[in-house]
Amino acid sequence: MSAPEGGNRRGRPPKGSGLVDGLEGSEHARERLRLILGAMTGEVSVNEACRHLGIGPARFHELRNDMLQAGLSRLEPGQAGRPPKRTEAESAELEALKKENLELKVDLQASRLREEIAIAMPHLLNKAVAAPLQKKRAGKPPG
C-alpha cells in the first residue's frame, strides 16, 4: 500500500518500535525488542543495536531470527473457534477414568514392591505362603 498522492497519510501515525511499550514483560526485554525492531525498520543500525545490547552481530541475528520464528509459529493457523465444551457425561467418564488410572498405578507399584521383596527376601515369602497352606492342611482330615 502506498500513501495517497501528495504525501498525506490518513489514520494514526505509525508507532514503530513504540508498540513494544504496551507489551507485558520486563523493561530489559522490551528494550531488547525495541532495538531489534529498530534495526529491522532502519531506525537504528545493526551495529548500533549490538553496541546497546552488548552483543556481537552474530548473536544479534540469532536473537532476531528467534524472535521472528516465535512470531511466525504463533501465526500458524489453528482450529477455528472455541474448543468444544465437555458434556457432563464426558466429564464424569473422564473423572472415572482418572480414578481408575490412579488405582491401577497404585496396584502396579504395590505389585512391583511385592516382587522386589520376594526377590530380596524369599524366606519371608515362603513363610507367608506356607502358613495359610499349613492351616488349610491342619483343618482337613487325612486322606
N, C-alpha and C. Protein backbone atom coordinates (compact mmCIF):
# COMPACT_ATOMS: atom_id res chain seq x y z
N MET A 1 0.85 -1.18 0.00
CA MET A 1 0.00 0.00 0.00
C MET A 1 0.89 1.24 0.00
N SER A 2 0.50 2.19 -0.76
CA SER A 2 1.27 3.43 -0.79
C SER A 2 0.42 4.56 -0.24
N ALA A 3 1.09 5.62 0.16
CA ALA A 3 0.38 6.77 0.71
C ALA A 3 -0.34 7.48 -0.43
N PRO A 4 -1.48 8.10 -0.12
CA PRO A 4 -2.19 8.84 -1.16
C PRO A 4 -1.30 9.92 -1.75
N GLU A 5 -1.64 10.33 -2.96
CA GLU A 5 -0.85 11.36 -3.62
C GLU A 5 -0.80 12.60 -2.75
N GLY A 6 0.34 13.28 -2.81
CA GLY A 6 0.51 14.48 -2.02
C GLY A 6 1.17 14.19 -0.69
N GLY A 7 1.38 12.90 -0.38
CA GLY A 7 2.09 12.54 0.84
C GLY A 7 1.25 12.61 2.10
N ASN A 8 -0.04 12.92 1.99
CA ASN A 8 -0.89 12.97 3.18
C ASN A 8 -1.30 11.56 3.58
N ARG A 9 -1.04 11.24 4.84
CA ARG A 9 -1.43 9.92 5.35
C ARG A 9 -2.70 10.06 6.14
N ARG A 10 -3.50 9.05 6.11
CA ARG A 10 -4.73 9.05 6.88
C ARG A 10 -4.57 8.10 8.06
N GLY A 11 -5.32 8.33 9.09
CA GLY A 11 -5.28 7.45 10.25
C GLY A 11 -4.19 7.85 11.22
N ARG A 12 -3.94 6.96 12.14
CA ARG A 12 -2.96 7.22 13.18
C ARG A 12 -1.55 7.12 12.62
N PRO A 13 -0.64 7.90 13.18
CA PRO A 13 0.75 7.77 12.74
C PRO A 13 1.32 6.45 13.25
N PRO A 14 2.19 5.82 12.47
CA PRO A 14 2.76 4.53 12.93
C PRO A 14 3.62 4.72 14.17
N LYS A 15 3.51 3.77 15.10
CA LYS A 15 4.29 3.85 16.33
C LYS A 15 5.65 3.19 16.20
N GLY A 16 5.82 2.32 15.21
CA GLY A 16 7.10 1.64 15.04
C GLY A 16 7.44 0.82 16.27
N SER A 17 8.67 0.96 16.74
CA SER A 17 9.11 0.17 17.89
C SER A 17 8.44 0.65 19.18
N GLY A 18 7.69 1.75 19.12
CA GLY A 18 6.94 2.22 20.29
C GLY A 18 5.81 1.28 20.68
N LEU A 19 5.42 0.39 19.77
CA LEU A 19 4.38 -0.59 20.09
C LEU A 19 4.80 -1.51 21.24
N VAL A 20 6.09 -1.64 21.44
CA VAL A 20 6.62 -2.53 22.46
C VAL A 20 6.21 -2.05 23.86
N ASP A 21 6.01 -0.75 24.03
CA ASP A 21 5.70 -0.19 25.36
C ASP A 21 4.44 -0.79 25.97
N GLY A 22 3.48 -1.20 25.17
CA GLY A 22 2.24 -1.75 25.68
C GLY A 22 2.29 -3.25 25.96
N LEU A 23 3.41 -3.88 25.70
CA LEU A 23 3.52 -5.33 25.89
C LEU A 23 3.91 -5.67 27.33
N GLU A 24 3.52 -6.89 27.75
CA GLU A 24 3.91 -7.36 29.07
C GLU A 24 5.31 -7.95 29.01
N GLY A 25 6.09 -7.67 30.00
CA GLY A 25 7.46 -8.19 30.06
C GLY A 25 8.33 -7.21 30.81
N SER A 26 9.54 -7.64 31.10
CA SER A 26 10.47 -6.77 31.83
C SER A 26 10.91 -5.62 30.94
N GLU A 27 11.35 -4.56 31.55
CA GLU A 27 11.84 -3.41 30.79
C GLU A 27 13.06 -3.81 29.98
N HIS A 28 13.89 -4.68 30.54
CA HIS A 28 15.09 -5.15 29.85
C HIS A 28 14.70 -5.86 28.54
N ALA A 29 13.71 -6.75 28.61
CA ALA A 29 13.27 -7.49 27.42
C ALA A 29 12.63 -6.54 26.41
N ARG A 30 11.84 -5.59 26.91
CA ARG A 30 11.20 -4.64 25.98
C ARG A 30 12.25 -3.79 25.26
N GLU A 31 13.30 -3.39 25.98
CA GLU A 31 14.35 -2.58 25.35
C GLU A 31 15.07 -3.39 24.28
N ARG A 32 15.32 -4.67 24.55
CA ARG A 32 15.96 -5.52 23.56
C ARG A 32 15.08 -5.64 22.32
N LEU A 33 13.76 -5.82 22.55
CA LEU A 33 12.83 -5.93 21.43
C LEU A 33 12.79 -4.63 20.63
N ARG A 34 12.78 -3.49 21.32
CA ARG A 34 12.78 -2.18 20.62
C ARG A 34 14.00 -2.06 19.70
N LEU A 35 15.16 -2.47 20.23
CA LEU A 35 16.38 -2.35 19.43
C LEU A 35 16.36 -3.29 18.23
N ILE A 36 15.86 -4.50 18.41
CA ILE A 36 15.79 -5.44 17.29
C ILE A 36 14.82 -4.92 16.24
N LEU A 37 13.64 -4.45 16.67
CA LEU A 37 12.68 -3.89 15.71
C LEU A 37 13.22 -2.64 15.05
N GLY A 38 13.91 -1.81 15.83
CA GLY A 38 14.50 -0.60 15.28
C GLY A 38 15.52 -0.92 14.20
N ALA A 39 16.31 -1.96 14.41
CA ALA A 39 17.28 -2.35 13.39
C ALA A 39 16.58 -2.91 12.16
N MET A 40 15.48 -3.62 12.37
CA MET A 40 14.73 -4.18 11.24
C MET A 40 14.07 -3.10 10.40
N THR A 41 13.63 -2.02 11.04
CA THR A 41 12.94 -0.94 10.32
C THR A 41 13.89 0.15 9.86
N GLY A 42 15.16 0.05 10.24
CA GLY A 42 16.13 1.05 9.82
C GLY A 42 16.21 2.25 10.75
N GLU A 43 15.51 2.23 11.88
CA GLU A 43 15.60 3.34 12.84
C GLU A 43 17.00 3.42 13.44
N VAL A 44 17.62 2.25 13.66
CA VAL A 44 18.99 2.18 14.16
C VAL A 44 19.74 1.15 13.32
N SER A 45 21.06 1.28 13.27
CA SER A 45 21.85 0.30 12.52
C SER A 45 22.03 -0.95 13.37
N VAL A 46 22.36 -2.05 12.71
CA VAL A 46 22.60 -3.30 13.43
C VAL A 46 23.78 -3.11 14.38
N ASN A 47 24.82 -2.40 13.94
CA ASN A 47 25.99 -2.17 14.79
C ASN A 47 25.62 -1.36 16.03
N GLU A 48 24.76 -0.36 15.85
CA GLU A 48 24.33 0.46 16.98
C GLU A 48 23.49 -0.38 17.95
N ALA A 49 22.60 -1.20 17.42
CA ALA A 49 21.79 -2.07 18.28
C ALA A 49 22.69 -3.05 19.04
N CYS A 50 23.68 -3.60 18.36
CA CYS A 50 24.61 -4.53 19.01
C CYS A 50 25.37 -3.83 20.14
N ARG A 51 25.79 -2.60 19.89
CA ARG A 51 26.53 -1.83 20.91
C ARG A 51 25.66 -1.61 22.14
N HIS A 52 24.39 -1.24 21.93
CA HIS A 52 23.48 -1.02 23.06
C HIS A 52 23.18 -2.32 23.80
N LEU A 53 23.08 -3.41 23.06
CA LEU A 53 22.76 -4.71 23.66
C LEU A 53 23.98 -5.39 24.28
N GLY A 54 25.17 -4.93 23.88
CA GLY A 54 26.39 -5.53 24.39
C GLY A 54 26.65 -6.91 23.80
N ILE A 55 26.27 -7.09 22.54
CA ILE A 55 26.46 -8.38 21.87
C ILE A 55 27.07 -8.14 20.49
N GLY A 56 27.51 -9.22 19.88
CA GLY A 56 28.06 -9.15 18.53
C GLY A 56 26.96 -9.32 17.49
N PRO A 57 27.29 -9.02 16.24
CA PRO A 57 26.30 -9.14 15.17
C PRO A 57 25.74 -10.56 15.00
N ALA A 58 26.58 -11.58 15.21
CA ALA A 58 26.08 -12.96 15.05
C ALA A 58 24.99 -13.24 16.09
N ARG A 59 25.22 -12.83 17.34
CA ARG A 59 24.21 -13.04 18.39
C ARG A 59 22.96 -12.20 18.10
N PHE A 60 23.16 -10.99 17.58
CA PHE A 60 22.02 -10.14 17.23
C PHE A 60 21.14 -10.84 16.19
N HIS A 61 21.76 -11.38 15.15
CA HIS A 61 20.99 -12.05 14.09
C HIS A 61 20.30 -13.29 14.64
N GLU A 62 20.95 -13.98 15.58
CA GLU A 62 20.34 -15.15 16.21
C GLU A 62 19.10 -14.74 17.01
N LEU A 63 19.22 -13.66 17.80
CA LEU A 63 18.06 -13.17 18.56
C LEU A 63 16.93 -12.73 17.63
N ARG A 64 17.29 -12.03 16.57
CA ARG A 64 16.27 -11.57 15.62
C ARG A 64 15.55 -12.75 14.98
N ASN A 65 16.31 -13.75 14.56
CA ASN A 65 15.69 -14.92 13.94
C ASN A 65 14.83 -15.70 14.93
N ASP A 66 15.29 -15.83 16.18
CA ASP A 66 14.48 -16.49 17.21
C ASP A 66 13.16 -15.75 17.42
N MET A 67 13.23 -14.42 17.47
CA MET A 67 12.03 -13.61 17.66
C MET A 67 11.07 -13.78 16.48
N LEU A 68 11.61 -13.74 15.28
CA LEU A 68 10.76 -13.88 14.10
C LEU A 68 10.15 -15.28 14.02
N GLN A 69 10.93 -16.30 14.38
CA GLN A 69 10.42 -17.68 14.35
C GLN A 69 9.30 -17.85 15.36
N ALA A 70 9.47 -17.27 16.57
CA ALA A 70 8.43 -17.36 17.59
C ALA A 70 7.15 -16.67 17.11
N GLY A 71 7.31 -15.51 16.48
CA GLY A 71 6.15 -14.81 15.95
C GLY A 71 5.46 -15.59 14.85
N LEU A 72 6.25 -16.17 13.96
CA LEU A 72 5.69 -16.97 12.87
C LEU A 72 4.96 -18.19 13.40
N SER A 73 5.53 -18.84 14.40
CA SER A 73 4.88 -20.02 15.00
C SER A 73 3.53 -19.66 15.59
N ARG A 74 3.45 -18.50 16.23
CA ARG A 74 2.17 -18.07 16.83
C ARG A 74 1.13 -17.75 15.76
N LEU A 75 1.55 -17.46 14.56
CA LEU A 75 0.62 -17.10 13.49
C LEU A 75 0.16 -18.29 12.67
N GLU A 76 0.68 -19.48 12.97
CA GLU A 76 0.23 -20.68 12.26
C GLU A 76 -1.26 -20.87 12.51
N PRO A 77 -1.99 -21.31 11.49
CA PRO A 77 -3.42 -21.48 11.69
C PRO A 77 -3.71 -22.59 12.70
N GLY A 78 -4.72 -22.37 13.49
CA GLY A 78 -5.15 -23.36 14.46
C GLY A 78 -6.57 -23.76 14.17
N GLN A 79 -7.14 -24.50 15.08
CA GLN A 79 -8.53 -24.92 14.91
C GLN A 79 -9.42 -23.68 15.11
N ALA A 80 -10.34 -23.50 14.21
CA ALA A 80 -11.21 -22.33 14.27
C ALA A 80 -12.19 -22.43 15.44
N GLY A 81 -12.48 -21.31 16.03
CA GLY A 81 -13.48 -21.26 17.09
C GLY A 81 -12.96 -21.69 18.44
N ARG A 82 -13.88 -21.67 19.39
CA ARG A 82 -13.54 -22.08 20.75
C ARG A 82 -13.44 -23.59 20.82
N PRO A 83 -12.62 -24.07 21.75
CA PRO A 83 -12.58 -25.53 21.92
C PRO A 83 -13.93 -26.03 22.42
N PRO A 84 -14.34 -27.22 21.99
CA PRO A 84 -15.65 -27.71 22.42
C PRO A 84 -15.69 -27.97 23.92
N LYS A 85 -16.85 -27.70 24.51
CA LYS A 85 -17.03 -27.94 25.94
C LYS A 85 -17.41 -29.40 26.15
N ARG A 86 -16.95 -29.96 27.25
CA ARG A 86 -17.29 -31.35 27.57
C ARG A 86 -18.70 -31.40 28.16
N THR A 87 -19.40 -32.46 27.83
CA THR A 87 -20.71 -32.66 28.43
C THR A 87 -20.51 -33.25 29.82
N GLU A 88 -21.59 -33.28 30.61
CA GLU A 88 -21.49 -33.84 31.96
C GLU A 88 -21.11 -35.31 31.90
N ALA A 89 -21.64 -36.03 30.94
CA ALA A 89 -21.33 -37.46 30.81
C ALA A 89 -19.85 -37.65 30.49
N GLU A 90 -19.30 -36.82 29.59
CA GLU A 90 -17.89 -36.91 29.26
C GLU A 90 -17.02 -36.56 30.46
N SER A 91 -17.43 -35.54 31.20
CA SER A 91 -16.67 -35.14 32.39
C SER A 91 -16.69 -36.25 33.44
N ALA A 92 -17.85 -36.86 33.64
CA ALA A 92 -17.96 -37.95 34.62
C ALA A 92 -17.11 -39.14 34.18
N GLU A 93 -17.14 -39.45 32.90
CA GLU A 93 -16.35 -40.56 32.39
C GLU A 93 -14.85 -40.27 32.54
N LEU A 94 -14.47 -39.03 32.26
CA LEU A 94 -13.07 -38.63 32.40
C LEU A 94 -12.62 -38.78 33.85
N GLU A 95 -13.45 -38.34 34.78
CA GLU A 95 -13.10 -38.46 36.20
C GLU A 95 -13.00 -39.93 36.61
N ALA A 96 -13.92 -40.76 36.12
CA ALA A 96 -13.87 -42.20 36.44
C ALA A 96 -12.60 -42.82 35.88
N LEU A 97 -12.22 -42.44 34.68
CA LEU A 97 -11.00 -42.97 34.07
C LEU A 97 -9.76 -42.51 34.83
N LYS A 98 -9.76 -41.26 35.27
CA LYS A 98 -8.64 -40.75 36.06
C LYS A 98 -8.51 -41.53 37.36
N LYS A 99 -9.65 -41.79 38.02
CA LYS A 99 -9.64 -42.55 39.28
C LYS A 99 -9.13 -43.97 39.04
N GLU A 100 -9.64 -44.62 37.99
CA GLU A 100 -9.21 -45.98 37.67
C GLU A 100 -7.72 -46.00 37.35
N ASN A 101 -7.25 -45.01 36.61
CA ASN A 101 -5.83 -44.92 36.27
C ASN A 101 -4.98 -44.81 37.53
N LEU A 102 -5.40 -43.99 38.46
CA LEU A 102 -4.67 -43.84 39.72
C LEU A 102 -4.64 -45.16 40.49
N GLU A 103 -5.79 -45.83 40.58
CA GLU A 103 -5.86 -47.12 41.29
C GLU A 103 -4.94 -48.15 40.63
N LEU A 104 -4.91 -48.18 39.31
CA LEU A 104 -4.05 -49.12 38.60
C LEU A 104 -2.57 -48.81 38.83
N LYS A 105 -2.24 -47.54 38.88
CA LYS A 105 -0.86 -47.17 39.16
C LYS A 105 -0.45 -47.61 40.56
N VAL A 106 -1.34 -47.43 41.54
CA VAL A 106 -1.06 -47.85 42.91
C VAL A 106 -0.90 -49.37 42.96
N ASP A 107 -1.81 -50.11 42.30
CA ASP A 107 -1.72 -51.56 42.26
C ASP A 107 -0.42 -52.03 41.61
N LEU A 108 -0.03 -51.37 40.53
CA LEU A 108 1.20 -51.73 39.85
C LEU A 108 2.40 -51.51 40.76
N GLN A 109 2.43 -50.38 41.44
CA GLN A 109 3.54 -50.09 42.35
C GLN A 109 3.60 -51.11 43.49
N ALA A 110 2.43 -51.48 44.03
CA ALA A 110 2.39 -52.48 45.09
C ALA A 110 2.89 -53.83 44.59
N SER A 111 2.51 -54.20 43.39
CA SER A 111 2.96 -55.44 42.79
C SER A 111 4.48 -55.44 42.60
N ARG A 112 5.00 -54.33 42.15
CA ARG A 112 6.46 -54.23 41.97
C ARG A 112 7.18 -54.36 43.31
N LEU A 113 6.63 -53.72 44.34
CA LEU A 113 7.24 -53.82 45.67
C LEU A 113 7.20 -55.25 46.19
N ARG A 114 6.06 -55.94 46.00
CA ARG A 114 5.97 -57.34 46.42
C ARG A 114 7.00 -58.19 45.69
N GLU A 115 7.18 -57.93 44.42
CA GLU A 115 8.16 -58.68 43.63
C GLU A 115 9.57 -58.42 44.14
N GLU A 116 9.88 -57.17 44.43
CA GLU A 116 11.21 -56.84 44.96
C GLU A 116 11.46 -57.52 46.29
N ILE A 117 10.44 -57.54 47.16
CA ILE A 117 10.57 -58.20 48.46
C ILE A 117 10.77 -59.70 48.26
N ALA A 118 10.02 -60.28 47.34
CA ALA A 118 10.14 -61.72 47.09
C ALA A 118 11.53 -62.08 46.58
N ILE A 119 12.11 -61.21 45.77
CA ILE A 119 13.44 -61.48 45.24
C ILE A 119 14.50 -61.26 46.32
N ALA A 120 14.36 -60.18 47.08
CA ALA A 120 15.37 -59.84 48.08
C ALA A 120 15.28 -60.73 49.32
N MET A 121 14.08 -61.12 49.71
CA MET A 121 13.88 -61.89 50.94
C MET A 121 12.92 -63.05 50.69
N PRO A 122 13.36 -64.05 49.94
CA PRO A 122 12.45 -65.15 49.60
C PRO A 122 11.98 -65.92 50.82
N HIS A 123 12.77 -65.95 51.89
CA HIS A 123 12.36 -66.68 53.09
C HIS A 123 11.09 -66.08 53.71
N LEU A 124 10.88 -64.76 53.59
CA LEU A 124 9.66 -64.15 54.09
C LEU A 124 8.46 -64.57 53.26
N LEU A 125 8.65 -64.64 51.97
CA LEU A 125 7.57 -65.04 51.08
C LEU A 125 7.17 -66.48 51.36
N ASN A 126 8.15 -67.32 51.53
CA ASN A 126 7.85 -68.74 51.78
C ASN A 126 7.03 -68.90 53.06
N LYS A 127 7.38 -68.19 54.12
CA LYS A 127 6.63 -68.28 55.37
C LYS A 127 5.21 -67.75 55.19
N ALA A 128 5.10 -66.63 54.48
CA ALA A 128 3.78 -66.04 54.29
C ALA A 128 2.89 -66.94 53.46
N VAL A 129 3.45 -67.61 52.49
CA VAL A 129 2.67 -68.50 51.64
C VAL A 129 2.44 -69.82 52.35
N ALA A 130 3.45 -70.31 53.08
CA ALA A 130 3.36 -71.62 53.73
C ALA A 130 2.38 -71.62 54.89
N ALA A 131 2.30 -70.53 55.65
CA ALA A 131 1.43 -70.50 56.84
C ALA A 131 -0.02 -70.73 56.49
N PRO A 132 -0.61 -70.04 55.53
CA PRO A 132 -2.01 -70.31 55.20
C PRO A 132 -2.21 -71.72 54.66
N LEU A 133 -1.22 -72.24 53.93
CA LEU A 133 -1.35 -73.60 53.41
C LEU A 133 -1.34 -74.61 54.56
N GLN A 134 -0.49 -74.38 55.56
CA GLN A 134 -0.43 -75.29 56.70
C GLN A 134 -1.73 -75.27 57.47
N LYS A 135 -2.35 -74.10 57.60
CA LYS A 135 -3.62 -74.00 58.32
C LYS A 135 -4.70 -74.78 57.57
N LYS A 136 -4.69 -74.67 56.24
CA LYS A 136 -5.67 -75.39 55.44
C LYS A 136 -5.48 -76.89 55.62
N ARG A 137 -4.23 -77.33 55.59
CA ARG A 137 -3.92 -78.74 55.72
C ARG A 137 -4.29 -79.27 57.13
N ALA A 138 -4.07 -78.44 58.13
CA ALA A 138 -4.34 -78.87 59.51
C ALA A 138 -5.84 -79.08 59.73
N GLY A 139 -6.65 -78.33 59.04
CA GLY A 139 -8.11 -78.43 59.21
C GLY A 139 -8.73 -79.58 58.47
N LYS A 140 -8.01 -80.16 57.49
CA LYS A 140 -8.56 -81.24 56.69
C LYS A 140 -8.28 -82.62 57.35
N PRO A 141 -9.22 -83.49 57.27
CA PRO A 141 -8.94 -84.84 57.76
C PRO A 141 -7.97 -85.55 56.83
N PRO A 142 -7.14 -86.43 57.35
CA PRO A 142 -6.17 -87.12 56.48
C PRO A 142 -6.89 -87.93 55.42
N GLY A 143 -6.29 -87.95 54.28
CA GLY A 143 -6.72 -88.65 53.31
C GLY A 143 -7.31 -89.08 52.24
